[in-house]
Amino acid sequence: MSEPRAGAAAAGPMRWGYLAEFDSVGALLAAVEKVRDAGFVKFDAFAPFPIHGLDESMGIRTSRLPLVVLAGGIAGAAAALLMQWWMNAFDYRYIISGKPFFGLPVAIPITFELTILLAAIGGFVGLMVANRLPELYHPVFESARFRARATTDSFFIAVQADDPKFDPAGTRSFLEAAGARRVEELEDE
């Protein structure tokens, strides 16, 4: 177990990073590309609505969520078919009118239902894990400006202080030069 750093309690809150506010979608996209091209990796962009091309500008790779949903669907179909086959062939072996113990046409409704159910559960759980949700606290929530304007008419970029390229004075001036209307320091307790 590590010891707390000397003077940590007396020092108060630590710098989490900077929150830069922008006026328009174009300004945000241009600033995001500048931040990415400068080598920052621990940053995020916030907008009141989805922006086409923002993921590409940030350098975010394609999601693996469709593979998780596919795996859930295949697991659901396999589980349903195996369950029905086992029940009909071993647990309840009734020969009715000379029919086989397992028939695929009869198994289709249950197989479909379990395929959809496990694909949906896999998609939901995969989405929550990929987005690290639920996130009950984030330092940007402490910004009154962010709380008031992030869902209405402003666009934000948050750059974390633990990014390898972060320099307190340099990052602030870099964000201002990128066109930020306002740059605010965020603290984390």
N, C-alpha and C. Protein backbone atom coordinates (compact mmCIF):
# COMPACT_ATOMS: atom_id res chain seq x y z
N MET A 1 0.85 -1.17 0.00
CA MET A 1 0.00 0.00 0.00
C MET A 1 0.89 1.23 0.00
N SER A 2 0.59 2.17 -0.84
CA SER A 2 1.45 3.35 -0.95
C SER A 2 1.06 4.39 0.08
N GLU A 3 2.04 5.15 0.49
CA GLU A 3 1.83 6.23 1.44
C GLU A 3 1.32 7.46 0.70
N PRO A 4 0.45 8.24 1.33
CA PRO A 4 0.04 9.48 0.68
C PRO A 4 1.22 10.43 0.57
N ARG A 5 1.22 11.23 -0.49
CA ARG A 5 2.37 12.12 -0.69
C ARG A 5 2.38 13.19 0.39
N ALA A 6 3.56 13.63 0.71
CA ALA A 6 3.75 14.61 1.78
C ALA A 6 3.02 15.90 1.43
N GLY A 7 2.25 16.40 2.37
CA GLY A 7 1.55 17.66 2.18
C GLY A 7 0.31 17.56 1.32
N ALA A 8 -0.16 16.34 1.04
CA ALA A 8 -1.32 16.18 0.17
C ALA A 8 -2.57 16.78 0.79
N ALA A 9 -2.73 16.58 2.10
CA ALA A 9 -3.92 17.11 2.76
C ALA A 9 -3.88 18.63 2.82
N ALA A 10 -2.70 19.18 3.03
CA ALA A 10 -2.58 20.63 3.15
C ALA A 10 -2.64 21.32 1.79
N ALA A 11 -2.28 20.60 0.74
CA ALA A 11 -2.23 21.22 -0.58
C ALA A 11 -3.61 21.52 -1.14
N GLY A 12 -4.63 20.78 -0.70
CA GLY A 12 -5.97 21.01 -1.20
C GLY A 12 -6.22 20.28 -2.51
N PRO A 13 -7.16 20.78 -3.29
CA PRO A 13 -7.51 20.09 -4.54
C PRO A 13 -6.36 20.11 -5.55
N MET A 14 -6.31 19.07 -6.35
CA MET A 14 -5.28 18.96 -7.37
C MET A 14 -5.85 19.37 -8.72
N ARG A 15 -4.99 19.84 -9.60
CA ARG A 15 -5.42 20.22 -10.94
C ARG A 15 -5.79 18.96 -11.72
N TRP A 16 -7.02 18.94 -12.28
CA TRP A 16 -7.45 17.83 -13.12
C TRP A 16 -7.12 18.11 -14.58
N GLY A 17 -7.24 19.37 -14.97
CA GLY A 17 -6.97 19.75 -16.35
C GLY A 17 -7.61 21.08 -16.68
N TYR A 18 -7.80 21.31 -17.99
CA TYR A 18 -8.42 22.55 -18.46
C TYR A 18 -9.67 22.24 -19.26
N LEU A 19 -10.64 23.15 -19.13
CA LEU A 19 -11.88 23.07 -19.89
C LEU A 19 -11.95 24.31 -20.76
N ALA A 20 -11.95 24.11 -22.07
CA ALA A 20 -11.98 25.23 -23.02
C ALA A 20 -13.35 25.29 -23.69
N GLU A 21 -13.90 26.48 -23.79
CA GLU A 21 -15.22 26.69 -24.38
C GLU A 21 -15.07 27.32 -25.76
N PHE A 22 -15.87 26.83 -26.72
CA PHE A 22 -15.83 27.31 -28.10
C PHE A 22 -17.22 27.75 -28.54
N ASP A 23 -17.24 28.65 -29.56
CA ASP A 23 -18.49 29.26 -30.00
C ASP A 23 -19.30 28.43 -30.98
N SER A 24 -18.63 27.66 -31.83
CA SER A 24 -19.35 27.00 -32.93
C SER A 24 -18.81 25.60 -33.17
N VAL A 25 -19.54 24.87 -33.99
CA VAL A 25 -19.14 23.51 -34.37
C VAL A 25 -17.82 23.56 -35.12
N GLY A 26 -17.69 24.49 -36.05
CA GLY A 26 -16.46 24.61 -36.83
C GLY A 26 -15.25 24.90 -35.96
N ALA A 27 -15.43 25.79 -34.97
CA ALA A 27 -14.33 26.11 -34.06
C ALA A 27 -13.96 24.90 -33.22
N LEU A 28 -14.96 24.14 -32.79
CA LEU A 28 -14.69 22.94 -31.99
C LEU A 28 -13.94 21.90 -32.81
N LEU A 29 -14.41 21.63 -34.03
CA LEU A 29 -13.74 20.63 -34.88
C LEU A 29 -12.30 21.03 -35.18
N ALA A 30 -12.09 22.31 -35.49
CA ALA A 30 -10.72 22.77 -35.77
C ALA A 30 -9.84 22.64 -34.53
N ALA A 31 -10.38 22.99 -33.36
CA ALA A 31 -9.60 22.89 -32.13
C ALA A 31 -9.31 21.44 -31.76
N VAL A 32 -10.28 20.56 -31.97
CA VAL A 32 -10.07 19.14 -31.67
C VAL A 32 -8.95 18.58 -32.54
N GLU A 33 -8.94 18.95 -33.81
CA GLU A 33 -7.87 18.47 -34.70
C GLU A 33 -6.51 19.03 -34.27
N LYS A 34 -6.48 20.28 -33.82
CA LYS A 34 -5.22 20.86 -33.35
C LYS A 34 -4.73 20.16 -32.08
N VAL A 35 -5.66 19.86 -31.18
CA VAL A 35 -5.30 19.17 -29.93
C VAL A 35 -4.76 17.78 -30.25
N ARG A 36 -5.45 17.06 -31.12
CA ARG A 36 -5.00 15.71 -31.51
C ARG A 36 -3.65 15.77 -32.22
N ASP A 37 -3.50 16.71 -33.15
CA ASP A 37 -2.24 16.83 -33.90
C ASP A 37 -1.07 17.25 -33.01
N ALA A 38 -1.38 17.95 -31.91
CA ALA A 38 -0.32 18.35 -30.98
C ALA A 38 0.17 17.19 -30.12
N GLY A 39 -0.53 16.06 -30.18
CA GLY A 39 -0.08 14.87 -29.46
C GLY A 39 -0.81 14.58 -28.17
N PHE A 40 -1.85 15.34 -27.86
CA PHE A 40 -2.63 15.06 -26.65
C PHE A 40 -3.45 13.79 -26.87
N VAL A 41 -3.52 12.95 -25.84
CA VAL A 41 -4.31 11.72 -25.94
C VAL A 41 -5.42 11.65 -24.90
N LYS A 42 -5.29 12.38 -23.81
CA LYS A 42 -6.30 12.35 -22.76
C LYS A 42 -7.12 13.64 -22.81
N PHE A 43 -8.04 13.67 -23.77
CA PHE A 43 -8.92 14.83 -23.91
C PHE A 43 -10.28 14.33 -24.38
N ASP A 44 -11.29 15.16 -24.19
CA ASP A 44 -12.63 14.81 -24.62
C ASP A 44 -13.33 16.07 -25.10
N ALA A 45 -14.30 15.89 -25.98
CA ALA A 45 -15.07 17.01 -26.52
C ALA A 45 -16.53 16.84 -26.10
N PHE A 46 -17.18 17.96 -25.81
CA PHE A 46 -18.57 17.95 -25.38
C PHE A 46 -19.35 18.92 -26.25
N ALA A 47 -20.53 18.48 -26.70
CA ALA A 47 -21.38 19.32 -27.55
C ALA A 47 -22.83 19.07 -27.17
N PRO A 48 -23.71 20.04 -27.42
CA PRO A 48 -25.12 19.85 -27.07
C PRO A 48 -25.87 18.93 -28.02
N PHE A 49 -25.24 18.53 -29.11
CA PHE A 49 -25.87 17.62 -30.08
C PHE A 49 -24.77 16.83 -30.79
N PRO A 50 -25.13 15.71 -31.42
CA PRO A 50 -24.11 14.92 -32.12
C PRO A 50 -23.52 15.71 -33.29
N ILE A 51 -22.21 15.61 -33.46
CA ILE A 51 -21.52 16.31 -34.55
C ILE A 51 -20.90 15.28 -35.47
N HIS A 52 -21.31 15.31 -36.73
CA HIS A 52 -20.77 14.38 -37.71
C HIS A 52 -19.29 14.68 -37.93
N GLY A 53 -18.46 13.66 -37.80
CA GLY A 53 -17.03 13.82 -38.02
C GLY A 53 -16.22 14.10 -36.78
N LEU A 54 -16.87 14.28 -35.63
CA LEU A 54 -16.13 14.57 -34.40
C LEU A 54 -15.27 13.38 -33.97
N ASP A 55 -15.80 12.17 -34.12
CA ASP A 55 -15.02 10.97 -33.75
C ASP A 55 -13.75 10.87 -34.57
N GLU A 56 -13.87 11.12 -35.87
CA GLU A 56 -12.69 11.06 -36.73
C GLU A 56 -11.70 12.16 -36.37
N SER A 57 -12.22 13.35 -36.06
CA SER A 57 -11.34 14.46 -35.69
C SER A 57 -10.58 14.17 -34.39
N MET A 58 -11.23 13.45 -33.47
CA MET A 58 -10.58 13.12 -32.20
C MET A 58 -9.65 11.92 -32.33
N GLY A 59 -9.76 11.19 -33.42
CA GLY A 59 -8.92 10.00 -33.60
C GLY A 59 -9.46 8.78 -32.88
N ILE A 60 -10.76 8.76 -32.63
CA ILE A 60 -11.38 7.61 -31.95
C ILE A 60 -11.55 6.48 -32.95
N ARG A 61 -11.12 5.30 -32.57
CA ARG A 61 -11.22 4.15 -33.48
C ARG A 61 -12.65 3.61 -33.48
N THR A 62 -12.93 2.76 -34.45
CA THR A 62 -14.25 2.17 -34.60
C THR A 62 -14.60 1.31 -33.39
N SER A 63 -15.84 1.36 -32.99
CA SER A 63 -16.31 0.62 -31.82
C SER A 63 -16.34 -0.89 -32.09
N ARG A 64 -16.08 -1.66 -31.04
CA ARG A 64 -16.19 -3.11 -31.13
C ARG A 64 -17.54 -3.60 -30.63
N LEU A 65 -18.45 -2.68 -30.36
CA LEU A 65 -19.76 -3.04 -29.82
C LEU A 65 -20.54 -3.98 -30.75
N PRO A 66 -20.51 -3.80 -32.08
CA PRO A 66 -21.23 -4.76 -32.93
C PRO A 66 -20.76 -6.20 -32.74
N LEU A 67 -19.49 -6.40 -32.47
CA LEU A 67 -18.99 -7.76 -32.23
C LEU A 67 -19.54 -8.32 -30.92
N VAL A 68 -19.70 -7.47 -29.91
CA VAL A 68 -20.27 -7.91 -28.64
C VAL A 68 -21.73 -8.30 -28.84
N VAL A 69 -22.47 -7.51 -29.61
CA VAL A 69 -23.87 -7.82 -29.88
C VAL A 69 -23.98 -9.11 -30.68
N LEU A 70 -23.12 -9.29 -31.67
CA LEU A 70 -23.12 -10.53 -32.46
C LEU A 70 -22.82 -11.73 -31.57
N ALA A 71 -21.83 -11.61 -30.70
CA ALA A 71 -21.50 -12.72 -29.79
C ALA A 71 -22.67 -13.04 -28.87
N GLY A 72 -23.35 -12.02 -28.37
CA GLY A 72 -24.53 -12.25 -27.54
C GLY A 72 -25.64 -12.95 -28.30
N GLY A 73 -25.86 -12.55 -29.55
CA GLY A 73 -26.88 -13.20 -30.37
C GLY A 73 -26.55 -14.65 -30.66
N ILE A 74 -25.30 -14.92 -31.00
CA ILE A 74 -24.90 -16.31 -31.28
C ILE A 74 -25.01 -17.15 -30.02
N ALA A 75 -24.60 -16.60 -28.88
CA ALA A 75 -24.71 -17.33 -27.61
C ALA A 75 -26.17 -17.60 -27.28
N GLY A 76 -27.06 -16.64 -27.54
CA GLY A 76 -28.48 -16.83 -27.28
C GLY A 76 -29.08 -17.91 -28.16
N ALA A 77 -28.74 -17.90 -29.44
CA ALA A 77 -29.25 -18.92 -30.36
C ALA A 77 -28.73 -20.30 -29.97
N ALA A 78 -27.45 -20.39 -29.66
CA ALA A 78 -26.87 -21.68 -29.27
C ALA A 78 -27.49 -22.20 -27.98
N ALA A 79 -27.66 -21.31 -27.01
CA ALA A 79 -28.26 -21.72 -25.73
C ALA A 79 -29.70 -22.19 -25.93
N ALA A 80 -30.46 -21.48 -26.75
CA ALA A 80 -31.85 -21.87 -26.99
C ALA A 80 -31.94 -23.22 -27.69
N LEU A 81 -31.15 -23.41 -28.73
CA LEU A 81 -31.18 -24.70 -29.45
C LEU A 81 -30.72 -25.84 -28.55
N LEU A 82 -29.65 -25.63 -27.81
CA LEU A 82 -29.15 -26.67 -26.91
C LEU A 82 -30.16 -27.00 -25.82
N MET A 83 -30.78 -25.98 -25.25
CA MET A 83 -31.78 -26.19 -24.20
C MET A 83 -32.96 -27.00 -24.73
N GLN A 84 -33.47 -26.63 -25.88
CA GLN A 84 -34.63 -27.33 -26.43
C GLN A 84 -34.27 -28.75 -26.86
N TRP A 85 -33.11 -28.91 -27.45
CA TRP A 85 -32.68 -30.26 -27.84
C TRP A 85 -32.55 -31.15 -26.61
N TRP A 86 -31.91 -30.64 -25.56
CA TRP A 86 -31.71 -31.43 -24.34
C TRP A 86 -33.06 -31.80 -23.71
N MET A 87 -33.94 -30.84 -23.61
CA MET A 87 -35.24 -31.11 -22.99
C MET A 87 -36.03 -32.16 -23.76
N ASN A 88 -36.03 -32.06 -25.08
CA ASN A 88 -36.81 -32.99 -25.90
C ASN A 88 -36.13 -34.35 -26.07
N ALA A 89 -34.83 -34.38 -26.12
CA ALA A 89 -34.13 -35.64 -26.39
C ALA A 89 -33.80 -36.42 -25.13
N PHE A 90 -33.65 -35.75 -23.99
CA PHE A 90 -33.22 -36.45 -22.78
C PHE A 90 -34.18 -36.29 -21.59
N ASP A 91 -34.61 -35.07 -21.31
CA ASP A 91 -35.43 -34.86 -20.13
C ASP A 91 -36.87 -35.37 -20.30
N TYR A 92 -37.51 -35.07 -21.41
CA TYR A 92 -38.91 -35.44 -21.65
C TYR A 92 -38.99 -36.21 -22.96
N ARG A 93 -38.62 -37.46 -22.94
CA ARG A 93 -38.56 -38.28 -24.16
C ARG A 93 -39.94 -38.89 -24.43
N TYR A 94 -40.76 -38.13 -25.10
CA TYR A 94 -42.08 -38.63 -25.48
C TYR A 94 -42.11 -38.80 -26.98
N ILE A 95 -42.45 -40.01 -27.42
CA ILE A 95 -42.61 -40.24 -28.86
C ILE A 95 -44.08 -40.01 -29.18
N ILE A 96 -44.33 -38.97 -29.93
CA ILE A 96 -45.71 -38.62 -30.29
C ILE A 96 -45.85 -38.73 -31.79
N SER A 97 -46.69 -39.63 -32.26
CA SER A 97 -46.97 -39.83 -33.69
C SER A 97 -45.71 -40.14 -34.48
N GLY A 98 -44.72 -40.72 -33.85
CA GLY A 98 -43.50 -41.10 -34.56
C GLY A 98 -42.61 -39.94 -34.94
N LYS A 99 -42.83 -38.78 -34.34
CA LYS A 99 -42.01 -37.61 -34.67
C LYS A 99 -40.67 -37.71 -33.96
N PRO A 100 -39.63 -37.04 -34.50
CA PRO A 100 -38.32 -37.10 -33.84
C PRO A 100 -38.34 -36.34 -32.51
N PHE A 101 -37.34 -36.62 -31.70
CA PHE A 101 -37.26 -35.95 -30.40
C PHE A 101 -36.99 -34.46 -30.52
N PHE A 102 -36.33 -34.06 -31.58
CA PHE A 102 -36.02 -32.64 -31.77
C PHE A 102 -36.32 -32.26 -33.21
N GLY A 103 -37.10 -31.21 -33.38
CA GLY A 103 -37.38 -30.69 -34.71
C GLY A 103 -37.07 -29.20 -34.75
N LEU A 104 -36.30 -28.79 -35.74
CA LEU A 104 -35.87 -27.40 -35.83
C LEU A 104 -37.03 -26.41 -36.04
N PRO A 105 -38.04 -26.72 -36.87
CA PRO A 105 -39.12 -25.73 -37.05
C PRO A 105 -39.84 -25.36 -35.75
N VAL A 106 -39.98 -26.33 -34.87
CA VAL A 106 -40.66 -26.05 -33.60
C VAL A 106 -39.78 -25.18 -32.70
N ALA A 107 -38.47 -25.26 -32.86
CA ALA A 107 -37.55 -24.54 -31.98
C ALA A 107 -37.30 -23.10 -32.41
N ILE A 108 -37.78 -22.70 -33.57
CA ILE A 108 -37.47 -21.36 -34.09
C ILE A 108 -37.97 -20.22 -33.20
N PRO A 109 -39.21 -20.22 -32.70
CA PRO A 109 -39.65 -19.07 -31.89
C PRO A 109 -38.80 -18.83 -30.64
N ILE A 110 -38.52 -19.90 -29.89
CA ILE A 110 -37.72 -19.74 -28.68
C ILE A 110 -36.29 -19.32 -29.03
N THR A 111 -35.75 -19.89 -30.10
CA THR A 111 -34.40 -19.53 -30.54
C THR A 111 -34.33 -18.05 -30.91
N PHE A 112 -35.33 -17.57 -31.63
CA PHE A 112 -35.38 -16.16 -32.01
C PHE A 112 -35.43 -15.27 -30.77
N GLU A 113 -36.29 -15.62 -29.83
CA GLU A 113 -36.45 -14.80 -28.62
C GLU A 113 -35.15 -14.72 -27.81
N LEU A 114 -34.50 -15.85 -27.61
CA LEU A 114 -33.25 -15.84 -26.83
C LEU A 114 -32.12 -15.16 -27.58
N THR A 115 -32.12 -15.25 -28.91
CA THR A 115 -31.11 -14.55 -29.70
C THR A 115 -31.23 -13.05 -29.50
N ILE A 116 -32.44 -12.53 -29.62
CA ILE A 116 -32.67 -11.09 -29.45
C ILE A 116 -32.39 -10.66 -28.01
N LEU A 117 -32.83 -11.46 -27.04
CA LEU A 117 -32.63 -11.10 -25.64
C LEU A 117 -31.15 -11.00 -25.28
N LEU A 118 -30.36 -12.01 -25.62
CA LEU A 118 -28.95 -11.98 -25.25
C LEU A 118 -28.16 -10.96 -26.09
N ALA A 119 -28.58 -10.71 -27.32
CA ALA A 119 -27.92 -9.66 -28.11
C ALA A 119 -28.18 -8.29 -27.49
N ALA A 120 -29.41 -8.05 -27.04
CA ALA A 120 -29.74 -6.77 -26.40
C ALA A 120 -29.02 -6.61 -25.07
N ILE A 121 -28.98 -7.65 -24.27
CA ILE A 121 -28.26 -7.58 -23.00
C ILE A 121 -26.77 -7.36 -23.24
N GLY A 122 -26.20 -8.06 -24.21
CA GLY A 122 -24.79 -7.88 -24.55
C GLY A 122 -24.51 -6.46 -25.03
N GLY A 123 -25.42 -5.91 -25.85
CA GLY A 123 -25.25 -4.54 -26.33
C GLY A 123 -25.31 -3.53 -25.20
N PHE A 124 -26.25 -3.72 -24.28
CA PHE A 124 -26.39 -2.79 -23.15
C PHE A 124 -25.17 -2.85 -22.24
N VAL A 125 -24.77 -4.06 -21.85
CA VAL A 125 -23.61 -4.21 -20.96
C VAL A 125 -22.33 -3.73 -21.66
N GLY A 126 -22.18 -4.06 -22.94
CA GLY A 126 -21.01 -3.61 -23.69
C GLY A 126 -20.93 -2.10 -23.79
N LEU A 127 -22.06 -1.46 -24.00
CA LEU A 127 -22.11 0.00 -24.07
C LEU A 127 -21.74 0.63 -22.72
N MET A 128 -22.26 0.08 -21.65
CA MET A 128 -21.95 0.61 -20.33
C MET A 128 -20.46 0.45 -20.01
N VAL A 129 -19.89 -0.70 -20.33
CA VAL A 129 -18.47 -0.94 -20.05
C VAL A 129 -17.59 -0.06 -20.94
N ALA A 130 -17.92 0.03 -22.23
CA ALA A 130 -17.10 0.82 -23.16
C ALA A 130 -17.09 2.30 -22.80
N ASN A 131 -18.19 2.80 -22.30
CA ASN A 131 -18.29 4.22 -21.94
C ASN A 131 -18.00 4.49 -20.47
N ARG A 132 -17.59 3.46 -19.75
CA ARG A 132 -17.27 3.57 -18.33
C ARG A 132 -18.43 4.21 -17.56
N LEU A 133 -19.61 3.68 -17.80
CA LEU A 133 -20.80 4.19 -17.13
C LEU A 133 -21.27 3.19 -16.08
N PRO A 134 -21.97 3.55 -15.07
CA PRO A 134 -22.37 4.91 -14.76
C PRO A 134 -21.22 5.69 -14.12
N GLU A 135 -21.04 6.90 -14.57
CA GLU A 135 -20.01 7.78 -14.02
C GLU A 135 -20.73 8.83 -13.18
N LEU A 136 -20.70 8.63 -11.88
CA LEU A 136 -21.47 9.48 -11.00
C LEU A 136 -20.82 10.83 -10.74
N TYR A 137 -19.50 10.92 -10.99
CA TYR A 137 -18.81 12.18 -10.77
C TYR A 137 -17.75 12.37 -11.86
N HIS A 138 -17.66 13.58 -12.34
CA HIS A 138 -16.61 13.95 -13.29
C HIS A 138 -16.25 15.40 -12.97
N PRO A 139 -14.98 15.75 -12.99
CA PRO A 139 -14.58 17.12 -12.64
C PRO A 139 -15.24 18.21 -13.49
N VAL A 140 -15.66 17.93 -14.71
CA VAL A 140 -16.31 18.99 -15.50
C VAL A 140 -17.67 19.37 -14.91
N PHE A 141 -18.26 18.49 -14.09
CA PHE A 141 -19.54 18.82 -13.47
C PHE A 141 -19.41 19.96 -12.46
N GLU A 142 -18.19 20.24 -12.01
CA GLU A 142 -17.97 21.32 -11.05
C GLU A 142 -17.98 22.69 -11.72
N SER A 143 -17.85 22.75 -13.02
CA SER A 143 -17.84 24.02 -13.74
C SER A 143 -19.27 24.53 -13.92
N ALA A 144 -19.55 25.70 -13.36
CA ALA A 144 -20.89 26.28 -13.48
C ALA A 144 -21.20 26.60 -14.94
N ARG A 145 -20.21 27.05 -15.67
CA ARG A 145 -20.40 27.38 -17.09
C ARG A 145 -20.73 26.11 -17.89
N PHE A 146 -20.05 25.02 -17.60
CA PHE A 146 -20.31 23.76 -18.29
C PHE A 146 -21.73 23.27 -17.97
N ARG A 147 -22.11 23.31 -16.70
CA ARG A 147 -23.46 22.86 -16.32
C ARG A 147 -24.54 23.70 -16.99
N ALA A 148 -24.30 25.00 -17.14
CA ALA A 148 -25.31 25.89 -17.70
C ALA A 148 -25.38 25.84 -19.22
N ARG A 149 -24.25 25.58 -19.91
CA ARG A 149 -24.24 25.78 -21.35
C ARG A 149 -23.90 24.55 -22.18
N ALA A 150 -23.45 23.47 -21.57
CA ALA A 150 -23.01 22.30 -22.35
C ALA A 150 -24.16 21.63 -23.09
N THR A 151 -25.36 21.75 -22.58
CA THR A 151 -26.50 21.12 -23.25
C THR A 151 -27.36 22.11 -24.02
N THR A 152 -26.91 23.36 -24.13
CA THR A 152 -27.71 24.34 -24.86
C THR A 152 -27.00 24.90 -26.09
N ASP A 153 -25.90 25.65 -25.88
CA ASP A 153 -25.34 26.37 -27.02
C ASP A 153 -23.82 26.47 -27.06
N SER A 154 -23.11 25.78 -26.19
CA SER A 154 -21.65 25.89 -26.19
C SER A 154 -20.99 24.55 -26.44
N PHE A 155 -19.75 24.61 -26.86
CA PHE A 155 -18.96 23.43 -27.20
C PHE A 155 -17.69 23.47 -26.36
N PHE A 156 -17.30 22.32 -25.80
CA PHE A 156 -16.19 22.28 -24.86
C PHE A 156 -15.18 21.21 -25.23
N ILE A 157 -13.93 21.46 -24.85
CA ILE A 157 -12.86 20.46 -24.90
C ILE A 157 -12.24 20.43 -23.51
N ALA A 158 -12.11 19.24 -22.94
CA ALA A 158 -11.45 19.06 -21.65
C ALA A 158 -10.15 18.30 -21.89
N VAL A 159 -9.04 18.88 -21.44
CA VAL A 159 -7.72 18.25 -21.55
C VAL A 159 -7.27 17.89 -20.14
N GLN A 160 -6.93 16.63 -19.92
CA GLN A 160 -6.55 16.16 -18.59
C GLN A 160 -5.10 16.50 -18.26
N ALA A 161 -4.85 16.77 -16.99
CA ALA A 161 -3.50 17.13 -16.54
C ALA A 161 -2.56 15.94 -16.54
N ASP A 162 -3.07 14.71 -16.53
CA ASP A 162 -2.18 13.55 -16.54
C ASP A 162 -1.82 13.10 -17.95
N ASP A 163 -2.15 13.91 -18.94
CA ASP A 163 -1.72 13.65 -20.31
C ASP A 163 -0.21 13.90 -20.40
N PRO A 164 0.52 13.06 -21.13
CA PRO A 164 1.97 13.25 -21.23
C PRO A 164 2.39 14.60 -21.82
N LYS A 165 1.57 15.19 -22.67
CA LYS A 165 1.91 16.47 -23.31
C LYS A 165 1.44 17.69 -22.51
N PHE A 166 0.78 17.46 -21.37
CA PHE A 166 0.20 18.56 -20.60
C PHE A 166 1.29 19.37 -19.92
N ASP A 167 1.20 20.68 -20.11
CA ASP A 167 2.05 21.65 -19.42
C ASP A 167 1.10 22.77 -18.97
N PRO A 168 1.03 23.10 -17.69
CA PRO A 168 0.02 24.05 -17.23
C PRO A 168 -0.05 25.35 -18.03
N ALA A 169 1.05 26.02 -18.20
CA ALA A 169 1.03 27.30 -18.93
C ALA A 169 0.92 27.06 -20.43
N GLY A 170 1.64 26.09 -20.94
CA GLY A 170 1.65 25.82 -22.37
C GLY A 170 0.31 25.33 -22.90
N THR A 171 -0.35 24.46 -22.14
CA THR A 171 -1.64 23.93 -22.58
C THR A 171 -2.70 25.02 -22.57
N ARG A 172 -2.68 25.85 -21.54
CA ARG A 172 -3.65 26.94 -21.48
C ARG A 172 -3.49 27.89 -22.67
N SER A 173 -2.26 28.30 -22.95
CA SER A 173 -2.03 29.21 -24.08
C SER A 173 -2.33 28.51 -25.41
N PHE A 174 -2.07 27.21 -25.48
CA PHE A 174 -2.37 26.45 -26.70
C PHE A 174 -3.88 26.44 -26.96
N LEU A 175 -4.68 26.21 -25.92
CA LEU A 175 -6.13 26.20 -26.09
C LEU A 175 -6.66 27.59 -26.45
N GLU A 176 -6.08 28.61 -25.86
CA GLU A 176 -6.50 29.98 -26.21
C GLU A 176 -6.14 30.29 -27.66
N ALA A 177 -4.97 29.84 -28.10
CA ALA A 177 -4.56 30.07 -29.49
C ALA A 177 -5.40 29.24 -30.47
N ALA A 178 -5.98 28.14 -29.99
CA ALA A 178 -6.82 27.30 -30.85
C ALA A 178 -8.21 27.90 -31.04
N GLY A 179 -8.49 29.02 -30.38
CA GLY A 179 -9.75 29.71 -30.59
C GLY A 179 -10.74 29.60 -29.44
N ALA A 180 -10.29 29.18 -28.27
CA ALA A 180 -11.20 29.05 -27.13
C ALA A 180 -11.67 30.43 -26.68
N ARG A 181 -12.97 30.54 -26.44
CA ARG A 181 -13.53 31.78 -25.92
C ARG A 181 -13.14 31.96 -24.46
N ARG A 182 -13.05 30.83 -23.76
CA ARG A 182 -12.74 30.87 -22.33
C ARG A 182 -12.06 29.56 -21.96
N VAL A 183 -11.03 29.62 -21.12
CA VAL A 183 -10.33 28.43 -20.63
C VAL A 183 -10.41 28.45 -19.11
N GLU A 184 -10.90 27.35 -18.55
CA GLU A 184 -11.10 27.26 -17.11
C GLU A 184 -10.30 26.09 -16.55
N GLU A 185 -9.65 26.31 -15.41
CA GLU A 185 -8.91 25.23 -14.76
C GLU A 185 -9.88 24.38 -13.95
N LEU A 186 -9.79 23.07 -14.10
CA LEU A 186 -10.63 22.15 -13.35
C LEU A 186 -9.80 21.50 -12.25
N GLU A 187 -10.42 21.35 -11.09
CA GLU A 187 -9.74 20.74 -9.95
C GLU A 187 -10.45 19.45 -9.58
N ASP A 188 -9.67 18.52 -9.04
CA ASP A 188 -10.21 17.25 -8.59
C ASP A 188 -9.77 17.05 -7.16
N GLU A 189 -10.71 16.73 -6.31
CA GLU A 189 -10.38 16.58 -4.89
C GLU A 189 -10.01 15.17 -4.56
